[in-house]
PDB file of N, CA and C in Angstrom:
ATOM      1  N   MET A   1      -2.103 -19.018  -4.317  1.00  0.00           N
ATOM      2  CA  MET A   1      -1.691 -18.301  -5.506  1.00  0.00           C
ATOM      3  C   MET A   1      -1.871 -16.804  -5.276  1.00  0.00           C
ATOM      4  N   THR A   2      -0.872 -16.033  -5.641  1.00  0.00           N
ATOM      5  CA  THR A   2      -0.910 -14.584  -5.451  1.00  0.00           C
ATOM      6  C   THR A   2      -1.500 -13.909  -6.673  1.00  0.00           C
ATOM      7  N   LYS A   3      -2.472 -13.051  -6.433  1.00  0.00           N
ATOM      8  CA  LYS A   3      -3.060 -12.270  -7.520  1.00  0.00           C
ATOM      9  C   LYS A   3      -2.241 -11.001  -7.676  1.00  0.00           C
ATOM     10  N   LYS A   4      -1.808 -10.701  -8.896  1.00  0.00           N
ATOM     11  CA  LYS A   4      -1.025  -9.496  -9.163  1.00  0.00           C
ATOM     12  C   LYS A   4      -1.919  -8.472  -9.846  1.00  0.00           C
ATOM     13  N   LEU A   5      -1.949  -7.269  -9.271  1.00  0.00           N
ATOM     14  CA  LEU A   5      -2.773  -6.185  -9.801  1.00  0.00           C
ATOM     15  C   LEU A   5      -1.897  -4.970 -10.067  1.00  0.00           C
ATOM     16  N   PRO A   6      -2.149  -4.266 -11.170  1.00  0.00           N
ATOM     17  CA  PRO A   6      -1.364  -3.057 -11.445  1.00  0.00           C
ATOM     18  C   PRO A   6      -1.991  -1.812 -10.829  1.00  0.00           C
ATOM     19  N   LEU A   7      -1.141  -0.892 -10.382  1.00  0.00           N
ATOM     20  CA  LEU A   7      -1.563   0.466 -10.025  1.00  0.00           C
ATOM     21  C   LEU A   7      -0.947   1.355 -11.094  1.00  0.00           C
ATOM     22  N   THR A   8      -1.784   2.027 -11.865  1.00  0.00           N
ATOM     23  CA  THR A   8      -1.274   2.812 -12.987  1.00  0.00           C
ATOM     24  C   THR A   8      -1.851   4.216 -13.001  1.00  0.00           C
ATOM     25  N   GLY A   9      -1.133   5.108 -13.665  1.00  0.00           N
ATOM     26  CA  GLY A   9      -1.625   6.461 -13.895  1.00  0.00           C
ATOM     27  C   GLY A   9      -1.640   7.330 -12.656  1.00  0.00           C
ATOM     28  N   ASP A  10      -2.591   8.266 -12.638  1.00  0.00           N
ATOM     29  CA  ASP A  10      -2.770   9.211 -11.538  1.00  0.00           C
ATOM     30  C   ASP A  10      -3.901   8.711 -10.648  1.00  0.00           C
ATOM     31  N   LEU A  11      -3.572   8.231  -9.472  1.00  0.00           N
ATOM     32  CA  LEU A  11      -4.596   7.729  -8.560  1.00  0.00           C
ATOM     33  C   LEU A  11      -4.990   8.830  -7.588  1.00  0.00           C
ATOM     34  N   LYS A  12      -6.217   9.279  -7.741  1.00  0.00           N
ATOM     35  CA  LYS A  12      -6.759  10.371  -6.928  1.00  0.00           C
ATOM     36  C   LYS A  12      -7.966   9.877  -6.149  1.00  0.00           C
ATOM     37  N   ILE A  13      -8.536  10.755  -5.357  1.00  0.00           N
ATOM     38  CA  ILE A  13      -9.667  10.410  -4.501  1.00  0.00           C
ATOM     39  C   ILE A  13     -10.830   9.800  -5.288  1.00  0.00           C
ATOM     40  N   ALA A  14     -11.018  10.216  -6.525  1.00  0.00           N
ATOM     41  CA  ALA A  14     -12.111   9.689  -7.338  1.00  0.00           C
ATOM     42  C   ALA A  14     -11.964   8.184  -7.586  1.00  0.00           C
ATOM     43  N   ALA A  15     -10.747   7.678  -7.567  1.00  0.00           N
ATOM     44  CA  ALA A  15     -10.502   6.254  -7.817  1.00  0.00           C
ATOM     45  C   ALA A  15     -10.438   5.432  -6.534  1.00  0.00           C
ATOM     46  N   ALA A  16     -10.434   6.087  -5.393  1.00  0.00           N
ATOM     47  CA  ALA A  16     -10.203   5.394  -4.120  1.00  0.00           C
ATOM     48  C   ALA A  16     -11.272   4.347  -3.806  1.00  0.00           C
ATOM     49  N   ASP A  17     -12.538   4.671  -3.991  1.00  0.00           N
ATOM     50  CA  ASP A  17     -13.604   3.713  -3.673  1.00  0.00           C
ATOM     51  C   ASP A  17     -13.514   2.461  -4.530  1.00  0.00           C
ATOM     52  N   ASP A  18     -13.294   2.645  -5.832  1.00  0.00           N
ATOM     53  CA  ASP A  18     -13.184   1.491  -6.725  1.00  0.00           C
ATOM     54  C   ASP A  18     -11.986   0.626  -6.362  1.00  0.00           C
ATOM     55  N   LEU A  19     -10.862   1.264  -6.056  1.00  0.00           N
ATOM     56  CA  LEU A  19      -9.672   0.515  -5.665  1.00  0.00           C
ATOM     57  C   LEU A  19      -9.921  -0.248  -4.365  1.00  0.00           C
ATOM     58  N   ALA A  20     -10.578   0.392  -3.415  1.00  0.00           N
ATOM     59  CA  ALA A  20     -10.877  -0.264  -2.136  1.00  0.00           C
ATOM     60  C   ALA A  20     -11.729  -1.513  -2.346  1.00  0.00           C
ATOM     61  N   LYS A  21     -12.738  -1.416  -3.184  1.00  0.00           N
ATOM     62  CA  LYS A  21     -13.599  -2.569  -3.466  1.00  0.00           C
ATOM     63  C   LYS A  21     -12.816  -3.680  -4.153  1.00  0.00           C
ATOM     64  N   GLN A  22     -11.988  -3.299  -5.120  1.00  0.00           N
ATOM     65  CA  GLN A  22     -11.188  -4.275  -5.857  1.00  0.00           C
ATOM     66  C   GLN A  22     -10.226  -5.013  -4.920  1.00  0.00           C
ATOM     67  N   LEU A  23      -9.551  -4.267  -4.064  1.00  0.00           N
ATOM     68  CA  LEU A  23      -8.601  -4.883  -3.141  1.00  0.00           C
ATOM     69  C   LEU A  23      -9.305  -5.747  -2.099  1.00  0.00           C
ATOM     70  N   SER A  24     -10.416  -5.275  -1.577  1.00  0.00           N
ATOM     71  CA  SER A  24     -11.160  -6.039  -0.580  1.00  0.00           C
ATOM     72  C   SER A  24     -11.601  -7.385  -1.149  1.00  0.00           C
ATOM     73  N   THR A  25     -12.141  -7.364  -2.357  1.00  0.00           N
ATOM     74  CA  THR A  25     -12.577  -8.595  -3.018  1.00  0.00           C
ATOM     75  C   THR A  25     -11.403  -9.534  -3.260  1.00  0.00           C
ATOM     76  N   ALA A  26     -10.311  -8.986  -3.751  1.00  0.00           N
ATOM     77  CA  ALA A  26      -9.133  -9.809  -4.047  1.00  0.00           C
ATOM     78  C   ALA A  26      -8.530 -10.402  -2.777  1.00  0.00           C
ATOM     79  N   LEU A  27      -8.487  -9.618  -1.698  1.00  0.00           N
ATOM     80  CA  LEU A  27      -7.869 -10.089  -0.456  1.00  0.00           C
ATOM     81  C   LEU A  27      -8.706 -11.137   0.271  1.00  0.00           C
ATOM     82  N   ILE A  28      -9.991 -11.150   0.041  1.00  0.00           N
ATOM     83  CA  ILE A  28     -10.833 -12.195   0.619  1.00  0.00           C
ATOM     84  C   ILE A  28     -10.486 -13.542  -0.007  1.00  0.00           C
ATOM     85  N   SER A  29     -10.109 -13.501  -1.297  1.00  0.00           N
ATOM     86  CA  SER A  29      -9.807 -14.727  -2.037  1.00  0.00           C
ATOM     87  C   SER A  29      -8.393 -15.247  -1.818  1.00  0.00           C
ATOM     88  N   GLY A  30      -7.458 -14.352  -1.478  1.00  0.00           N
ATOM     89  CA  GLY A  30      -6.080 -14.814  -1.320  1.00  0.00           C
ATOM     90  C   GLY A  30      -5.091 -13.671  -1.237  1.00  0.00           C
ATOM     91  N   ASP A  31      -3.833 -14.006  -1.475  1.00  0.00           N
ATOM     92  CA  ASP A  31      -2.753 -13.027  -1.408  1.00  0.00           C
ATOM     93  C   ASP A  31      -2.791 -12.099  -2.618  1.00  0.00           C
ATOM     94  N   VAL A  32      -2.336 -10.857  -2.409  1.00  0.00           N
ATOM     95  CA  VAL A  32      -2.345  -9.848  -3.476  1.00  0.00           C
ATOM     96  C   VAL A  32      -1.016  -9.102  -3.476  1.00  0.00           C
ATOM     97  N   THR A  33      -0.484  -8.889  -4.680  1.00  0.00           N
ATOM     98  CA  THR A  33       0.685  -8.042  -4.871  1.00  0.00           C
ATOM     99  C   THR A  33       0.325  -6.962  -5.878  1.00  0.00           C
ATOM    100  N   LEU A  34       0.642  -5.710  -5.540  1.00  0.00           N
ATOM    101  CA  LEU A  34       0.400  -4.593  -6.449  1.00  0.00           C
ATOM    102  C   LEU A  34       1.695  -4.207  -7.147  1.00  0.00           C
ATOM    103  N   CYS A  35       1.605  -4.002  -8.449  1.00  0.00           N
ATOM    104  CA  CYS A  35       2.738  -3.533  -9.242  1.00  0.00           C
ATOM    105  C   CYS A  35       2.559  -2.035  -9.474  1.00  0.00           C
ATOM    106  N   THR A  36       3.554  -1.247  -9.110  1.00  0.00           N
ATOM    107  CA  THR A  36       3.450   0.216  -9.206  1.00  0.00           C
ATOM    108  C   THR A  36       4.345   0.799 -10.294  1.00  0.00           C
ATOM    109  N   LYS A  37       4.834  -0.040 -11.188  1.00  0.00           N
ATOM    110  CA  LYS A  37       5.776   0.391 -12.216  1.00  0.00           C
ATOM    111  C   LYS A  37       5.234   1.552 -13.059  1.00  0.00           C
ATOM    112  N   LYS A  38       3.925   1.551 -13.333  1.00  0.00           N
ATOM    113  CA  LYS A  38       3.326   2.580 -14.185  1.00  0.00           C
ATOM    114  C   LYS A  38       2.523   3.614 -13.392  1.00  0.00           C
ATOM    115  N   LEU A  39       2.779   3.688 -12.092  1.00  0.00           N
ATOM    116  CA  LEU A  39       2.105   4.669 -11.246  1.00  0.00           C
ATOM    117  C   LEU A  39       2.744   6.035 -11.452  1.00  0.00           C
ATOM    118  N   VAL A  40       1.928   7.033 -11.781  1.00  0.00           N
ATOM    119  CA  VAL A  40       2.417   8.391 -12.050  1.00  0.00           C
ATOM    120  C   VAL A  40       2.298   9.264 -10.806  1.00  0.00           C
ATOM    121  N   SER A  41       1.160   9.179 -10.114  1.00  0.00           N
ATOM    122  CA  SER A  41       0.961   9.940  -8.880  1.00  0.00           C
ATOM    123  C   SER A  41      -0.102   9.246  -8.037  1.00  0.00           C
ATOM    124  N   ILE A  42      -0.083   9.564  -6.737  1.00  0.00           N
ATOM    125  CA  ILE A  42      -1.034   8.958  -5.812  1.00  0.00           C
ATOM    126  C   ILE A  42      -1.316   9.972  -4.703  1.00  0.00           C
ATOM    127  N   ASP A  43      -2.574  10.095  -4.313  1.00  0.00           N
ATOM    128  CA  ASP A  43      -2.918  11.070  -3.276  1.00  0.00           C
ATOM    129  C   ASP A  43      -3.161  10.378  -1.932  1.00  0.00           C
ATOM    130  N   ALA A  44      -3.418  11.187  -0.921  1.00  0.00           N
ATOM    131  CA  ALA A  44      -3.581  10.678   0.442  1.00  0.00           C
ATOM    132  C   ALA A  44      -4.770   9.727   0.573  1.00  0.00           C
ATOM    133  N   ALA A  45      -5.845   9.980  -0.158  1.00  0.00           N
ATOM    134  CA  ALA A  45      -7.015   9.101  -0.082  1.00  0.00           C
ATOM    135  C   ALA A  45      -6.671   7.699  -0.576  1.00  0.00           C
ATOM    136  N   THR A  46      -5.884   7.629  -1.616  1.00  0.00           N
ATOM    137  CA  THR A  46      -5.497   6.331  -2.160  1.00  0.00           C
ATOM    138  C   THR A  46      -4.479   5.642  -1.260  1.00  0.00           C
ATOM    139  N   ILE A  47      -3.599   6.417  -0.644  1.00  0.00           N
ATOM    140  CA  ILE A  47      -2.671   5.849   0.343  1.00  0.00           C
ATOM    141  C   ILE A  47      -3.470   5.219   1.486  1.00  0.00           C
ATOM    142  N   GLN A  48      -4.534   5.880   1.918  1.00  0.00           N
ATOM    143  CA  GLN A  48      -5.387   5.340   2.982  1.00  0.00           C
ATOM    144  C   GLN A  48      -5.984   3.997   2.566  1.00  0.00           C
ATOM    145  N   VAL A  49      -6.352   3.866   1.306  1.00  0.00           N
ATOM    146  CA  VAL A  49      -6.878   2.593   0.809  1.00  0.00           C
ATOM    147  C   VAL A  49      -5.819   1.496   0.945  1.00  0.00           C
ATOM    148  N   LEU A  50      -4.573   1.823   0.615  1.00  0.00           N
ATOM    149  CA  LEU A  50      -3.496   0.834   0.731  1.00  0.00           C
ATOM    150  C   LEU A  50      -3.264   0.438   2.187  1.00  0.00           C
ATOM    151  N   VAL A  51      -3.272   1.422   3.074  1.00  0.00           N
ATOM    152  CA  VAL A  51      -3.101   1.137   4.502  1.00  0.00           C
ATOM    153  C   VAL A  51      -4.233   0.228   4.987  1.00  0.00           C
ATOM    154  N   SER A  52      -5.439   0.535   4.588  1.00  0.00           N
ATOM    155  CA  SER A  52      -6.598  -0.269   4.966  1.00  0.00           C
ATOM    156  C   SER A  52      -6.490  -1.691   4.413  1.00  0.00           C
ATOM    157  N   ALA A  53      -5.930  -1.826   3.224  1.00  0.00           N
ATOM    158  CA  ALA A  53      -5.774  -3.152   2.616  1.00  0.00           C
ATOM    159  C   ALA A  53      -4.840  -4.035   3.441  1.00  0.00           C
ATOM    160  N   PHE A  54      -3.830  -3.437   4.060  1.00  0.00           N
ATOM    161  CA  PHE A  54      -2.958  -4.225   4.938  1.00  0.00           C
ATOM    162  C   PHE A  54      -3.742  -4.774   6.125  1.00  0.00           C
ATOM    163  N   VAL A  55      -4.637  -3.977   6.675  1.00  0.00           N
ATOM    164  CA  VAL A  55      -5.471  -4.422   7.798  1.00  0.00           C
ATOM    165  C   VAL A  55      -6.412  -5.538   7.339  1.00  0.00           C
ATOM    166  N   THR A  56      -7.025  -5.355   6.171  1.00  0.00           N
ATOM    167  CA  THR A  56      -7.924  -6.369   5.616  1.00  0.00           C
ATOM    168  C   THR A  56      -7.188  -7.682   5.397  1.00  0.00           C
ATOM    169  N   ALA A  57      -5.993  -7.601   4.817  1.00  0.00           N
ATOM    170  CA  ALA A  57      -5.199  -8.806   4.548  1.00  0.00           C
ATOM    171  C   ALA A  57      -4.865  -9.535   5.842  1.00  0.00           C
ATOM    172  N   GLN A  58      -4.471  -8.785   6.840  1.00  0.00           N
ATOM    173  CA  GLN A  58      -4.114  -9.394   8.122  1.00  0.00           C
ATOM    174  C   GLN A  58      -5.321 -10.114   8.726  1.00  0.00           C
ATOM    175  N   GLY A  59      -6.477  -9.473   8.663  1.00  0.00           N
ATOM    176  CA  GLY A  59      -7.693 -10.079   9.202  1.00  0.00           C
ATOM    177  C   GLY A  59      -8.122 -11.328   8.458  1.00  0.00           C
ATOM    178  N   ALA A  60      -7.787 -11.392   7.170  1.00  0.00           N
ATOM    179  CA  ALA A  60      -8.147 -12.546   6.349  1.00  0.00           C
ATOM    180  C   ALA A  60      -7.032 -13.591   6.308  1.00  0.00           C
ATOM    181  N   ALA A  61      -5.944 -13.341   7.046  1.00  0.00           N
ATOM    182  CA  ALA A  61      -4.772 -14.232   7.060  1.00  0.00           C
ATOM    183  C   ALA A  61      -4.171 -14.398   5.668  1.00  0.00           C
ATOM    184  N   HIS A  62      -4.160 -13.297   4.913  1.00  0.00           N
ATOM    185  CA  HIS A  62      -3.546 -13.287   3.595  1.00  0.00           C
ATOM    186  C   HIS A  62      -2.414 -12.267   3.556  1.00  0.00           C
ATOM    187  N   ARG A  63      -1.578 -12.394   2.539  1.00  0.00           N
ATOM    188  CA  ARG A  63      -0.433 -11.494   2.378  1.00  0.00           C
ATOM    189  C   ARG A  63      -0.794 -10.404   1.371  1.00  0.00           C
ATOM    190  N   PHE A  64      -0.472  -9.174   1.718  1.00  0.00           N
ATOM    191  CA  PHE A  64      -0.635  -8.031   0.815  1.00  0.00           C
ATOM    192  C   PHE A  64       0.732  -7.387   0.675  1.00  0.00           C
ATOM    193  N   ALA A  65       1.162  -7.171  -0.553  1.00  0.00           N
ATOM    194  CA  ALA A  65       2.469  -6.573  -0.808  1.00  0.00           C
ATOM    195  C   ALA A  65       2.342  -5.566  -1.941  1.00  0.00           C
ATOM    196  N   VAL A  66       3.182  -4.538  -1.881  1.00  0.00           N
ATOM    197  CA  VAL A  66       3.153  -3.479  -2.890  1.00  0.00           C
ATOM    198  C   VAL A  66       4.585  -3.188  -3.321  1.00  0.00           C
ATOM    199  N   ASP A  67       4.841  -3.284  -4.630  1.00  0.00           N
ATOM    200  CA  ASP A  67       6.163  -2.904  -5.134  1.00  0.00           C
ATOM    201  C   ASP A  67       6.427  -1.457  -4.749  1.00  0.00           C
ATOM    202  N   MET A  68       7.560  -1.185  -4.117  1.00  0.00           N
ATOM    203  CA  MET A  68       7.883   0.182  -3.721  1.00  0.00           C
ATOM    204  C   MET A  68       9.399   0.400  -3.750  1.00  0.00           C
ATOM    205  N   PRO A  69       9.957   0.523  -4.961  1.00  0.00           N
ATOM    206  CA  PRO A  69      11.398   0.783  -5.045  1.00  0.00           C
ATOM    207  C   PRO A  69      11.754   2.124  -4.403  1.00  0.00           C
ATOM    208  N   ALA A  70      13.005   2.251  -3.991  1.00  0.00           N
ATOM    209  CA  ALA A  70      13.483   3.512  -3.416  1.00  0.00           C
ATOM    210  C   ALA A  70      13.268   4.653  -4.398  1.00  0.00           C
ATOM    211  N   GLN A  71      12.868   5.794  -3.874  1.00  0.00           N
ATOM    212  CA  GLN A  71      12.643   7.027  -4.627  1.00  0.00           C
ATOM    213  C   GLN A  71      11.513   6.907  -5.650  1.00  0.00           C
ATOM    214  N   SER A  72      10.615   5.961  -5.438  1.00  0.00           N
ATOM    215  CA  SER A  72       9.467   5.808  -6.329  1.00  0.00           C
ATOM    216  C   SER A  72       8.379   6.814  -5.964  1.00  0.00           C
ATOM    217  N   VAL A  73       7.393   6.926  -6.827  1.00  0.00           N
ATOM    218  CA  VAL A  73       6.233   7.788  -6.574  1.00  0.00           C
ATOM    219  C   VAL A  73       5.578   7.398  -5.249  1.00  0.00           C
ATOM    220  N   LEU A  74       5.445   6.112  -5.019  1.00  0.00           N
ATOM    221  CA  LEU A  74       4.784   5.641  -3.804  1.00  0.00           C
ATOM    222  C   LEU A  74       5.603   5.965  -2.554  1.00  0.00           C
ATOM    223  N   GLU A  75       6.898   5.730  -2.603  1.00  0.00           N
ATOM    224  CA  GLU A  75       7.745   6.050  -1.453  1.00  0.00           C
ATOM    225  C   GLU A  75       7.691   7.548  -1.148  1.00  0.00           C
ATOM    226  N   THR A  76       7.732   8.369  -2.182  1.00  0.00           N
ATOM    227  CA  THR A  76       7.663   9.822  -2.002  1.00  0.00           C
ATOM    228  C   THR A  76       6.344  10.226  -1.344  1.00  0.00           C
ATOM    229  N   ALA A  77       5.241   9.618  -1.774  1.00  0.00           N
ATOM    230  CA  ALA A  77       3.930   9.942  -1.196  1.00  0.00           C
ATOM    231  C   ALA A  77       3.872   9.564   0.285  1.00  0.00           C
ATOM    232  N   PHE A  78       4.341   8.377   0.634  1.00  0.00           N
ATOM    233  CA  PHE A  78       4.367   7.975   2.043  1.00  0.00           C
ATOM    234  C   PHE A  78       5.251   8.913   2.858  1.00  0.00           C
ATOM    235  N   ASP A  79       6.378   9.313   2.292  1.00  0.00           N
ATOM    236  CA  ASP A  79       7.296  10.223   2.982  1.00  0.00           C
ATOM    237  C   ASP A  79       6.641  11.578   3.238  1.00  0.00           C
ATOM    238  N   ARG A  80       5.984  12.123   2.246  1.00  0.00           N
ATOM    239  CA  ARG A  80       5.331  13.435   2.393  1.00  0.00           C
ATOM    240  C   ARG A  80       4.220  13.414   3.429  1.00  0.00           C
ATOM    241  N   LEU A  81       3.619  12.255   3.616  1.00  0.00           N
ATOM    242  CA  LEU A  81       2.560  12.113   4.619  1.00  0.00           C
ATOM    243  C   LEU A  81       3.114  11.765   6.000  1.00  0.00           C
ATOM    244  N   GLY A  82       4.427  11.630   6.095  1.00  0.00           N
ATOM    245  CA  GLY A  82       5.058  11.312   7.374  1.00  0.00           C
ATOM    246  C   GLY A  82       4.904   9.860   7.790  1.00  0.00           C
ATOM    247  N   LEU A  83       4.572   8.993   6.848  1.00  0.00           N
ATOM    248  CA  LEU A  83       4.314   7.594   7.170  1.00  0.00           C
ATOM    249  C   LEU A  83       5.491   6.666   6.894  1.00  0.00           C
ATOM    250  N   LEU A  84       6.519   7.174   6.253  1.00  0.00           N
ATOM    251  CA  LEU A  84       7.647   6.326   5.861  1.00  0.00           C
ATOM    252  C   LEU A  84       8.253   5.541   7.027  1.00  0.00           C
ATOM    253  N   PRO A  85       8.402   6.128   8.229  1.00  0.00           N
ATOM    254  CA  PRO A  85       8.983   5.358   9.343  1.00  0.00           C
ATOM    255  C   PRO A  85       8.129   4.166   9.791  1.00  0.00           C
ATOM    256  N   LEU A  86       6.866   4.147   9.402  1.00  0.00           N
ATOM    257  CA  LEU A  86       5.972   3.063   9.813  1.00  0.00           C
ATOM    258  C   LEU A  86       5.997   1.868   8.865  1.00  0.00           C
ATOM    259  N   LEU A  87       6.628   2.033   7.709  1.00  0.00           N
ATOM    260  CA  LEU A  87       6.566   1.003   6.678  1.00  0.00           C
ATOM    261  C   LEU A  87       7.573  -0.113   6.907  1.00  0.00           C
ATOM    262  N   VAL A  88       7.152  -1.320   6.574  1.00  0.00           N
ATOM    263  CA  VAL A  88       8.041  -2.482   6.567  1.00  0.00           C
ATOM    264  C   VAL A  88       8.309  -2.796   5.101  1.00  0.00           C
ATOM    265  N   VAL A  89       9.531  -2.496   4.660  1.00  0.00           N
ATOM    266  CA  VAL A  89       9.911  -2.684   3.259  1.00  0.00           C
ATOM    267  C   VAL A  89      11.037  -3.705   3.199  1.00  0.00           C
ATOM    268  N   GLU A  90      10.848  -4.715   2.361  1.00  0.00           N
ATOM    269  CA  GLU A  90      11.856  -5.757   2.173  1.00  0.00           C
ATOM    270  C   GLU A  90      12.197  -5.854   0.695  1.00  0.00           C
ATOM    271  N   ASN A  91      13.443  -5.563   0.353  1.00  0.00           N
ATOM    272  CA  ASN A  91      13.912  -5.660  -1.030  1.00  0.00           C
ATOM    273  C   ASN A  91      13.026  -4.893  -2.011  1.00  0.00           C
ATOM    274  N   GLY A  92      12.661  -3.667  -1.657  1.00  0.00           N
ATOM    275  CA  GLY A  92      11.856  -2.831  -2.540  1.00  0.00           C
ATOM    276  C   GLY A  92      10.384  -3.193  -2.598  1.00  0.00           C
ATOM    277  N   VAL A  93       9.926  -3.982  -1.635  1.00  0.00           N
ATOM    278  CA  VAL A  93       8.515  -4.377  -1.588  1.00  0.00           C
ATOM    279  C   VAL A  93       7.954  -4.018  -0.214  1.00  0.00           C
ATOM    280  N   LEU A  94       6.881  -3.238  -0.222  1.00  0.00           N
ATOM    281  CA  LEU A  94       6.177  -2.885   1.010  1.00  0.00           C
ATOM    282  C   LEU A  94       5.370  -4.102   1.447  1.00  0.00           C
ATOM    283  N   VAL A  95       5.691  -4.638   2.620  1.00  0.00           N
ATOM    284  CA  VAL A  95       5.041  -5.866   3.080  1.00  0.00           C
ATOM    285  C   VAL A  95       4.243  -5.683   4.369  1.00  0.00           C
ATOM    286  N   GLY A  96       4.301  -4.491   4.946  1.00  0.00           N
ATOM    287  CA  GLY A  96       3.552  -4.270   6.172  1.00  0.00           C
ATOM    288  C   GLY A  96       3.662  -2.845   6.665  1.00  0.00           C
ATOM    289  N   ILE A  97       2.835  -2.530   7.639  1.00  0.00           N
ATOM    290  CA  ILE A  97       2.837  -1.212   8.260  1.00  0.00           C
ATOM    291  C   ILE A  97       2.804  -1.426   9.767  1.00  0.00           C
ATOM    292  N   ARG A  98       3.770  -0.834  10.439  1.00  0.00           N
ATOM    293  CA  ARG A  98       3.862  -0.949  11.897  1.00  0.00           C
ATOM    294  C   ARG A  98       2.794  -0.088  12.564  1.00  0.00           C
ATOM    295  N   ASP A  99       2.432  -0.468  13.749  1.00  0.00           N
ATOM    296  CA  ASP A  99       1.540   0.332  14.574  1.00  0.00           C
ATOM    297  C   ASP A  99       2.291   1.596  14.978  1.00  0.00           C
ATOM    298  N   ALA A 100       1.674   2.736  14.840  1.00  0.00           N
ATOM    299  CA  ALA A 100       2.325   4.011  15.155  1.00  0.00           C
ATOM    300  C   ALA A 100       2.822   4.054  16.593  1.00  0.00           C
ATOM    301  N   GLN A 101       2.193   3.332  17.488  1.00  0.00           N
ATOM    302  CA  GLN A 101       2.598   3.342  18.893  1.00  0.00           C
ATOM    303  C   GLN A 101       3.892   2.578  19.130  1.00  0.00           C
ATOM    304  N   THR A 102       4.309   1.747  18.169  1.00  0.00           N
ATOM    305  CA  THR A 102       5.520   0.953  18.359  1.00  0.00           C
ATOM    306  C   THR A 102       6.761   1.634  17.800  1.00  0.00           C
ATOM    307  N   VAL A 103       6.588   2.753  17.128  1.00  0.00           N
ATOM    308  CA  VAL A 103       7.717   3.447  16.508  1.00  0.00           C
ATOM    309  C   VAL A 103       8.185   4.572  17.420  1.00  0.00           C
ATOM    310  N   GLN A 104       9.469   4.593  17.706  1.00  0.00           N
ATOM    311  CA  GLN A 104      10.037   5.665  18.516  1.00  0.00           C
ATOM    312  C   GLN A 104      10.513   6.772  17.592  1.00  0.00           C
ATOM    313  N   VAL A 105      10.106   7.975  17.886  1.00  0.00           N
ATOM    314  CA  VAL A 105      10.488   9.130  17.085  1.00  0.00           C
ATOM    315  C   VAL A 105      11.628   9.851  17.792  1.00  0.00           C
ATOM    316  N   ALA A 106      12.668  10.167  17.032  1.00  0.00           N
ATOM    317  CA  ALA A 106      13.807  10.891  17.612  1.00  0.00           C
ATOM    318  C   ALA A 106      13.381  12.302  17.985  1.00  0.00           C
ATOM    319  N   ALA A 107      13.829  12.765  19.137  1.00  0.00           N
ATOM    320  CA  ALA A 107      13.461  14.108  19.606  1.00  0.00           C
ATOM    321  C   ALA A 107      14.288  15.163  18.922  1.00  0.00           C
TER     322      ALA A 107
END
């Protein structure tokens, strides 16, 4: 059974630790999907928590997914950090992050 959790409001560094604990606990128990419909903004510290959650999910043999429609707050944040080429997005859902060493960058 997939646990659905909302990401809402302005997610800043102050919320990163709590989010990390929440995701870690949820991912130990099973699959997790984050809903970003009410997300207003997100900073680099919180993006790092999401990236880390993908690693945690993989290690626990669980699925972690994040709603990420085109031109959303989340997509914009990943783009500004230069991480967009590393993302695996299927039908508006972020389902994975590629290893930076496997991505070829155009010269």
